[in-house]
Amino acid sequence: MSDEMTPNEILDCVGLYCPEPLFQTRQKIDSLKPGEILEVLADDPAAEEDLKRLIKRTGNKLLRLEKKSSLIRIIIQKIN
């Protein structure tokens, strides 16, 4: 991962199921300053679509989405 994508915070939601990853991600994003980066790890099948909708709805930026087996890794940049 390049320096500009080094997360300021990592949120581990592995083992949590809807709606918990969504709620925790929203709280963590709200606590970040604009420009900071959050990495979210989740294994809930619903998390990918839920988090993509959250990012779009809140006006933040999806930098990367990776899936390995059941693990989803999402990198989000807070825009405002």
PDB file of N, CA and C in Angstrom:
ATOM      1  N   MET A   1       0.845  -1.180   0.000  1.00  0.00           N
ATOM      2  CA  MET A   1       0.000   0.000   0.000  1.00  0.00           C
ATOM      3  C   MET A   1       0.884   1.234   0.000  1.00  0.00           C
ATOM      4  N   SER A   2       0.566   2.200  -0.826  1.00  0.00           N
ATOM      5  CA  SER A   2       1.369   3.420  -0.897  1.00  0.00           C
ATOM      6  C   SER A   2       1.092   4.297   0.313  1.00  0.00           C
ATOM      7  N   ASP A   3       1.996   5.255   0.574  1.00  0.00           N
ATOM      8  CA  ASP A   3       1.874   6.101   1.755  1.00  0.00           C
ATOM      9  C   ASP A   3       0.558   6.872   1.792  1.00  0.00           C
ATOM     10  N   GLU A   4       0.087   7.341   0.622  1.00  0.00           N
ATOM     11  CA  GLU A   4      -1.133   8.140   0.629  1.00  0.00           C
ATOM     12  C   GLU A   4      -2.357   7.297   0.974  1.00  0.00           C
ATOM     13  N   MET A   5      -2.223   5.969   0.994  1.00  0.00           N
ATOM     14  CA  MET A   5      -3.344   5.113   1.369  1.00  0.00           C
ATOM     15  C   MET A   5      -3.107   4.410   2.697  1.00  0.00           C
ATOM     16  N   THR A   6      -2.118   4.829   3.454  1.00  0.00           N
ATOM     17  CA  THR A   6      -1.908   4.256   4.777  1.00  0.00           C
ATOM     18  C   THR A   6      -3.044   4.725   5.681  1.00  0.00           C
ATOM     19  N   PRO A   7      -3.802   3.790   6.252  1.00  0.00           N
ATOM     20  CA  PRO A   7      -4.961   4.210   7.046  1.00  0.00           C
ATOM     21  C   PRO A   7      -4.571   4.915   8.341  1.00  0.00           C
ATOM     22  N   ASN A   8      -5.364   5.910   8.696  1.00  0.00           N
ATOM     23  CA  ASN A   8      -5.221   6.566   9.992  1.00  0.00           C
ATOM     24  C   ASN A   8      -5.860   5.716  11.083  1.00  0.00           C
ATOM     25  N   GLU A   9      -6.888   4.965  10.701  1.00  0.00           N
ATOM     26  CA  GLU A   9      -7.624   4.110  11.636  1.00  0.00           C
ATOM     27  C   GLU A   9      -7.960   2.790  10.943  1.00  0.00           C
ATOM     28  N   ILE A  10      -8.000   1.720  11.728  1.00  0.00           N
ATOM     29  CA  ILE A  10      -8.432   0.411  11.232  1.00  0.00           C
ATOM     30  C   ILE A  10      -9.591  -0.043  12.095  1.00  0.00           C
ATOM     31  N   LEU A  11     -10.686  -0.430  11.448  1.00  0.00           N
ATOM     32  CA  LEU A  11     -11.880  -0.893  12.139  1.00  0.00           C
ATOM     33  C   LEU A  11     -12.086  -2.366  11.804  1.00  0.00           C
ATOM     34  N   ASP A  12     -11.973  -3.219  12.807  1.00  0.00           N
ATOM     35  CA  ASP A  12     -12.127  -4.660  12.616  1.00  0.00           C
ATOM     36  C   ASP A  12     -13.558  -5.063  12.970  1.00  0.00           C
ATOM     37  N   CYS A  13     -14.337  -5.362  11.934  1.00  0.00           N
ATOM     38  CA  CYS A  13     -15.736  -5.784  12.132  1.00  0.00           C
ATOM     39  C   CYS A  13     -15.915  -7.266  11.828  1.00  0.00           C
ATOM     40  N   VAL A  14     -14.816  -8.011  11.791  1.00  0.00           N
ATOM     41  CA  VAL A  14     -14.892  -9.445  11.511  1.00  0.00           C
ATOM     42  C   VAL A  14     -15.680 -10.118  12.633  1.00  0.00           C
ATOM     43  N   GLY A  15     -16.645 -10.929  12.253  1.00  0.00           N
ATOM     44  CA  GLY A  15     -17.480 -11.616  13.222  1.00  0.00           C
ATOM     45  C   GLY A  15     -18.743 -10.848  13.588  1.00  0.00           C
ATOM     46  N   LEU A  16     -18.871  -9.623  13.104  1.00  0.00           N
ATOM     47  CA  LEU A  16     -20.063  -8.818  13.374  1.00  0.00           C
ATOM     48  C   LEU A  16     -20.995  -8.877  12.163  1.00  0.00           C
ATOM     49  N   TYR A  17     -22.279  -8.830  12.438  1.00  0.00           N
ATOM     50  CA  TYR A  17     -23.250  -8.943  11.359  1.00  0.00           C
ATOM     51  C   TYR A  17     -24.166  -7.728  11.328  1.00  0.00           C
ATOM     52  N   CYS A  18     -24.773  -7.529  10.171  1.00  0.00           N
ATOM     53  CA  CYS A  18     -25.640  -6.404   9.896  1.00  0.00           C
ATOM     54  C   CYS A  18     -26.608  -6.191  11.049  1.00  0.00           C
ATOM     55  N   PRO A  19     -26.733  -4.972  11.499  1.00  0.00           N
ATOM     56  CA  PRO A  19     -26.218  -3.724  10.957  1.00  0.00           C
ATOM     57  C   PRO A  19     -24.949  -3.213  11.647  1.00  0.00           C
ATOM     58  N   GLU A  20     -24.320  -4.022  12.479  1.00  0.00           N
ATOM     59  CA  GLU A  20     -23.199  -3.556  13.299  1.00  0.00           C
ATOM     60  C   GLU A  20     -22.022  -2.995  12.485  1.00  0.00           C
ATOM     61  N   PRO A  21     -21.535  -3.663  11.418  1.00  0.00           N
ATOM     62  CA  PRO A  21     -20.428  -3.067  10.652  1.00  0.00           C
ATOM     63  C   PRO A  21     -20.779  -1.688  10.083  1.00  0.00           C
ATOM     64  N   LEU A  22     -22.009  -1.529   9.652  1.00  0.00           N
ATOM     65  CA  LEU A  22     -22.470  -0.249   9.108  1.00  0.00           C
ATOM     66  C   LEU A  22     -22.469   0.831  10.190  1.00  0.00           C
ATOM     67  N   PHE A  23     -23.033   0.525  11.353  1.00  0.00           N
ATOM     68  CA  PHE A  23     -23.071   1.504  12.450  1.00  0.00           C
ATOM     69  C   PHE A  23     -21.668   1.891  12.902  1.00  0.00           C
ATOM     70  N   GLN A  24     -20.802   0.883  13.094  1.00  0.00           N
ATOM     71  CA  GLN A  24     -19.450   1.170  13.575  1.00  0.00           C
ATOM     72  C   GLN A  24     -18.639   1.959  12.554  1.00  0.00           C
ATOM     73  N   THR A  25     -18.816   1.639  11.267  1.00  0.00           N
ATOM     74  CA  THR A  25     -18.106   2.378  10.217  1.00  0.00           C
ATOM     75  C   THR A  25     -18.570   3.825  10.200  1.00  0.00           C
ATOM     76  N   ARG A  26     -19.861   4.049  10.310  1.00  0.00           N
ATOM     77  CA  ARG A  26     -20.389   5.423  10.311  1.00  0.00           C
ATOM     78  C   ARG A  26     -19.819   6.219  11.487  1.00  0.00           C
ATOM     79  N   GLN A  27     -19.795   5.629  12.664  1.00  0.00           N
ATOM     80  CA  GLN A  27     -19.249   6.312  13.838  1.00  0.00           C
ATOM     81  C   GLN A  27     -17.772   6.642  13.646  1.00  0.00           C
ATOM     82  N   LYS A  28     -17.025   5.696  13.094  1.00  0.00           N
ATOM     83  CA  LYS A  28     -15.579   5.901  12.922  1.00  0.00           C
ATOM     84  C   LYS A  28     -15.324   6.971  11.863  1.00  0.00           C
ATOM     85  N   ILE A  29     -16.049   6.953  10.758  1.00  0.00           N
ATOM     86  CA  ILE A  29     -15.894   7.981   9.723  1.00  0.00           C
ATOM     87  C   ILE A  29     -16.196   9.359  10.307  1.00  0.00           C
ATOM     88  N   ASP A  30     -17.269   9.443  11.083  1.00  0.00           N
ATOM     89  CA  ASP A  30     -17.645  10.729  11.684  1.00  0.00           C
ATOM     90  C   ASP A  30     -16.554  11.275  12.601  1.00  0.00           C
ATOM     91  N   SER A  31     -15.742  10.399  13.180  1.00  0.00           N
ATOM     92  CA  SER A  31     -14.692  10.841  14.104  1.00  0.00           C
ATOM     93  C   SER A  31     -13.400  11.262  13.397  1.00  0.00           C
ATOM     94  N   LEU A  32     -13.303  10.974  12.093  1.00  0.00           N
ATOM     95  CA  LEU A  32     -12.092  11.311  11.350  1.00  0.00           C
ATOM     96  C   LEU A  32     -12.118  12.759  10.879  1.00  0.00           C
ATOM     97  N   LYS A  33     -10.928  13.288  10.601  1.00  0.00           N
ATOM     98  CA  LYS A  33     -10.802  14.610   9.996  1.00  0.00           C
ATOM     99  C   LYS A  33     -10.813  14.440   8.477  1.00  0.00           C
ATOM    100  N   PRO A  34     -11.247  15.477   7.736  1.00  0.00           N
ATOM    101  CA  PRO A  34     -11.217  15.384   6.275  1.00  0.00           C
ATOM    102  C   PRO A  34      -9.811  15.023   5.780  1.00  0.00           C
ATOM    103  N   GLY A  35      -9.761  14.092   4.823  1.00  0.00           N
ATOM    104  CA  GLY A  35      -8.494  13.638   4.258  1.00  0.00           C
ATOM    105  C   GLY A  35      -7.960  12.384   4.924  1.00  0.00           C
ATOM    106  N   GLU A  36      -8.444  12.071   6.125  1.00  0.00           N
ATOM    107  CA  GLU A  36      -7.960  10.870   6.806  1.00  0.00           C
ATOM    108  C   GLU A  36      -8.571   9.621   6.184  1.00  0.00           C
ATOM    109  N   ILE A  37      -7.905   8.491   6.419  1.00  0.00           N
ATOM    110  CA  ILE A  37      -8.275   7.242   5.762  1.00  0.00           C
ATOM    111  C   ILE A  37      -8.630   6.189   6.803  1.00  0.00           C
ATOM    112  N   LEU A  38      -9.714   5.466   6.517  1.00  0.00           N
ATOM    113  CA  LEU A  38     -10.194   4.385   7.374  1.00  0.00           C
ATOM    114  C   LEU A  38     -10.138   3.076   6.602  1.00  0.00           C
ATOM    115  N   GLU A  39      -9.589   2.052   7.234  1.00  0.00           N
ATOM    116  CA  GLU A  39      -9.613   0.698   6.683  1.00  0.00           C
ATOM    117  C   GLU A  39     -10.627  -0.104   7.481  1.00  0.00           C
ATOM    118  N   VAL A  40     -11.560  -0.741   6.788  1.00  0.00           N
ATOM    119  CA  VAL A  40     -12.586  -1.553   7.441  1.00  0.00           C
ATOM    120  C   VAL A  40     -12.413  -3.004   6.991  1.00  0.00           C
ATOM    121  N   LEU A  41     -12.388  -3.894   7.965  1.00  0.00           N
ATOM    122  CA  LEU A  41     -12.329  -5.332   7.702  1.00  0.00           C
ATOM    123  C   LEU A  41     -13.642  -5.942   8.157  1.00  0.00           C
ATOM    124  N   ALA A  42     -14.261  -6.740   7.299  1.00  0.00           N
ATOM    125  CA  ALA A  42     -15.544  -7.352   7.641  1.00  0.00           C
ATOM    126  C   ALA A  42     -15.683  -8.691   6.933  1.00  0.00           C
ATOM    127  N   ASP A  43     -16.524  -9.551   7.491  1.00  0.00           N
ATOM    128  CA  ASP A  43     -16.808 -10.825   6.831  1.00  0.00           C
ATOM    129  C   ASP A  43     -18.311 -11.079   6.692  1.00  0.00           C
ATOM    130  N   ASP A  44     -19.112 -10.076   6.992  1.00  0.00           N
ATOM    131  CA  ASP A  44     -20.554 -10.171   6.785  1.00  0.00           C
ATOM    132  C   ASP A  44     -20.830  -9.996   5.291  1.00  0.00           C
ATOM    133  N   PRO A  45     -21.505 -10.952   4.662  1.00  0.00           N
ATOM    134  CA  PRO A  45     -21.765 -10.829   3.224  1.00  0.00           C
ATOM    135  C   PRO A  45     -22.481  -9.536   2.828  1.00  0.00           C
ATOM    136  N   ALA A  46     -23.294  -8.979   3.722  1.00  0.00           N
ATOM    137  CA  ALA A  46     -24.027  -7.748   3.417  1.00  0.00           C
ATOM    138  C   ALA A  46     -23.150  -6.505   3.538  1.00  0.00           C
ATOM    139  N   ALA A  47     -21.997  -6.619   4.167  1.00  0.00           N
ATOM    140  CA  ALA A  47     -21.162  -5.446   4.461  1.00  0.00           C
ATOM    141  C   ALA A  47     -20.697  -4.724   3.196  1.00  0.00           C
ATOM    142  N   GLU A  48     -20.337  -5.459   2.166  1.00  0.00           N
ATOM    143  CA  GLU A  48     -19.809  -4.815   0.954  1.00  0.00           C
ATOM    144  C   GLU A  48     -20.804  -3.807   0.386  1.00  0.00           C
ATOM    145  N   GLU A  49     -22.020  -4.235   0.110  1.00  0.00           N
ATOM    146  CA  GLU A  49     -23.015  -3.326  -0.472  1.00  0.00           C
ATOM    147  C   GLU A  49     -23.434  -2.246   0.522  1.00  0.00           C
ATOM    148  N   ASP A  50     -23.610  -2.629   1.790  1.00  0.00           N
ATOM    149  CA  ASP A  50     -23.990  -1.643   2.810  1.00  0.00           C
ATOM    150  C   ASP A  50     -22.959  -0.530   2.909  1.00  0.00           C
ATOM    151  N   LEU A  51     -21.691  -0.894   2.944  1.00  0.00           N
ATOM    152  CA  LEU A  51     -20.637   0.107   3.109  1.00  0.00           C
ATOM    153  C   LEU A  51     -20.455   0.948   1.853  1.00  0.00           C
ATOM    154  N   LYS A  52     -20.609   0.354   0.677  1.00  0.00           N
ATOM    155  CA  LYS A  52     -20.522   1.144  -0.554  1.00  0.00           C
ATOM    156  C   LYS A  52     -21.633   2.194  -0.596  1.00  0.00           C
ATOM    157  N   ARG A  53     -22.843   1.808  -0.175  1.00  0.00           N
ATOM    158  CA  ARG A  53     -23.958   2.774  -0.122  1.00  0.00           C
ATOM    159  C   ARG A  53     -23.680   3.871   0.912  1.00  0.00           C
ATOM    160  N   LEU A  54     -23.142   3.491   2.063  1.00  0.00           N
ATOM    161  CA  LEU A  54     -22.817   4.471   3.104  1.00  0.00           C
ATOM    162  C   LEU A  54     -21.794   5.481   2.593  1.00  0.00           C
ATOM    163  N   ILE A  55     -20.757   5.001   1.931  1.00  0.00           N
ATOM    164  CA  ILE A  55     -19.707   5.885   1.409  1.00  0.00           C
ATOM    165  C   ILE A  55     -20.309   6.883   0.416  1.00  0.00           C
ATOM    166  N   LYS A  56     -21.138   6.387  -0.482  1.00  0.00           N
ATOM    167  CA  LYS A  56     -21.759   7.265  -1.475  1.00  0.00           C
ATOM    168  C   LYS A  56     -22.692   8.274  -0.817  1.00  0.00           C
ATOM    169  N   ARG A  57     -23.514   7.796   0.105  1.00  0.00           N
ATOM    170  CA  ARG A  57     -24.502   8.651   0.770  1.00  0.00           C
ATOM    171  C   ARG A  57     -23.834   9.750   1.607  1.00  0.00           C
ATOM    172  N   THR A  58     -22.691   9.459   2.209  1.00  0.00           N
ATOM    173  CA  THR A  58     -22.020  10.438   3.072  1.00  0.00           C
ATOM    174  C   THR A  58     -21.035  11.310   2.303  1.00  0.00           C
ATOM    175  N   GLY A  59     -20.853  11.064   1.004  1.00  0.00           N
ATOM    176  CA  GLY A  59     -19.982  11.900   0.189  1.00  0.00           C
ATOM    177  C   GLY A  59     -18.504  11.645   0.400  1.00  0.00           C
ATOM    178  N   ASN A  60     -18.169  10.466   0.919  1.00  0.00           N
ATOM    179  CA  ASN A  60     -16.761  10.119   1.096  1.00  0.00           C
ATOM    180  C   ASN A  60     -16.267   9.337  -0.116  1.00  0.00           C
ATOM    181  N   LYS A  61     -15.012   8.913  -0.086  1.00  0.00           N
ATOM    182  CA  LYS A  61     -14.402   8.305  -1.270  1.00  0.00           C
ATOM    183  C   LYS A  61     -13.952   6.879  -0.988  1.00  0.00           C
ATOM    184  N   LEU A  62     -14.383   5.957  -1.839  1.00  0.00           N
ATOM    185  CA  LEU A  62     -13.936   4.571  -1.775  1.00  0.00           C
ATOM    186  C   LEU A  62     -12.597   4.489  -2.518  1.00  0.00           C
ATOM    187  N   LEU A  63     -11.529   4.224  -1.786  1.00  0.00           N
ATOM    188  CA  LEU A  63     -10.205   4.149  -2.408  1.00  0.00           C
ATOM    189  C   LEU A  63      -9.885   2.746  -2.908  1.00  0.00           C
ATOM    190  N   ARG A  64     -10.343   1.736  -2.168  1.00  0.00           N
ATOM    191  CA  ARG A  64     -10.030   0.359  -2.554  1.00  0.00           C
ATOM    192  C   ARG A  64     -11.016  -0.588  -1.899  1.00  0.00           C
ATOM    193  N   LEU A  65     -11.352  -1.645  -2.629  1.00  0.00           N
ATOM    194  CA  LEU A  65     -12.174  -2.717  -2.093  1.00  0.00           C
ATOM    195  C   LEU A  65     -11.531  -4.022  -2.516  1.00  0.00           C
ATOM    196  N   GLU A  66     -11.212  -4.859  -1.542  1.00  0.00           N
ATOM    197  CA  GLU A  66     -10.594  -6.149  -1.831  1.00  0.00           C
ATOM    198  C   GLU A  66     -11.390  -7.241  -1.149  1.00  0.00           C
ATOM    199  N   LYS A  67     -11.507  -8.376  -1.830  1.00  0.00           N
ATOM    200  CA  LYS A  67     -12.170  -9.532  -1.233  1.00  0.00           C
ATOM    201  C   LYS A  67     -11.238 -10.718  -1.339  1.00  0.00           C
ATOM    202  N   LYS A  68     -11.050 -11.395  -0.211  1.00  0.00           N
ATOM    203  CA  LYS A  68     -10.300 -12.649  -0.178  1.00  0.00           C
ATOM    204  C   LYS A  68     -11.144 -13.629   0.600  1.00  0.00           C
ATOM    205  N   SER A  69     -11.631 -14.644  -0.090  1.00  0.00           N
ATOM    206  CA  SER A  69     -12.528 -15.610   0.521  1.00  0.00           C
ATOM    207  C   SER A  69     -13.718 -14.848   1.092  1.00  0.00           C
ATOM    208  N   SER A  70     -13.967 -14.955   2.391  1.00  0.00           N
ATOM    209  CA  SER A  70     -15.124 -14.244   2.967  1.00  0.00           C
ATOM    210  C   SER A  70     -14.734 -12.897   3.570  1.00  0.00           C
ATOM    211  N   LEU A  71     -13.451 -12.542   3.543  1.00  0.00           N
ATOM    212  CA  LEU A  71     -12.999 -11.278   4.138  1.00  0.00           C
ATOM    213  C   LEU A  71     -13.090 -10.134   3.135  1.00  0.00           C
ATOM    214  N   ILE A  72     -13.687  -9.050   3.573  1.00  0.00           N
ATOM    215  CA  ILE A  72     -13.806  -7.835   2.758  1.00  0.00           C
ATOM    216  C   ILE A  72     -12.944  -6.761   3.410  1.00  0.00           C
ATOM    217  N   ARG A  73     -12.135  -6.091   2.605  1.00  0.00           N
ATOM    218  CA  ARG A  73     -11.274  -5.005   3.082  1.00  0.00           C
ATOM    219  C   ARG A  73     -11.630  -3.766   2.271  1.00  0.00           C
ATOM    220  N   ILE A  74     -12.076  -2.727   2.965  1.00  0.00           N
ATOM    221  CA  ILE A  74     -12.500  -1.503   2.297  1.00  0.00           C
ATOM    222  C   ILE A  74     -11.679  -0.343   2.847  1.00  0.00           C
ATOM    223  N   ILE A  75     -11.129   0.462   1.931  1.00  0.00           N
ATOM    224  CA  ILE A  75     -10.354   1.635   2.300  1.00  0.00           C
ATOM    225  C   ILE A  75     -11.182   2.875   1.908  1.00  0.00           C
ATOM    226  N   ILE A  76     -11.462   3.716   2.905  1.00  0.00           N
ATOM    227  CA  ILE A  76     -12.329   4.879   2.732  1.00  0.00           C
ATOM    228  C   ILE A  76     -11.557   6.151   3.099  1.00  0.00           C
ATOM    229  N   GLN A  77     -11.700   7.188   2.272  1.00  0.00           N
ATOM    230  CA  GLN A  77     -11.132   8.491   2.622  1.00  0.00           C
ATOM    231  C   GLN A  77     -12.274   9.430   2.972  1.00  0.00           C
ATOM    232  N   LYS A  78     -12.153  10.063   4.147  1.00  0.00           N
ATOM    233  CA  LYS A  78     -13.155  11.050   4.537  1.00  0.00           C
ATOM    234  C   LYS A  78     -12.926  12.312   3.725  1.00  0.00           C
ATOM    235  N   ILE A  79     -13.961  12.784   3.061  1.00  0.00           N
ATOM    236  CA  ILE A  79     -13.857  13.951   2.198  1.00  0.00           C
ATOM    237  C   ILE A  79     -14.285  15.214   2.937  1.00  0.00           C
ATOM    238  N   ASN A  80     -15.372  15.157   3.688  1.00  0.00           N
ATOM    239  CA  ASN A  80     -15.835  16.365   4.366  1.00  0.00           C
ATOM    240  C   ASN A  80     -16.254  16.080   5.791  1.00  0.00           C
TER     241      ASN A  80
END
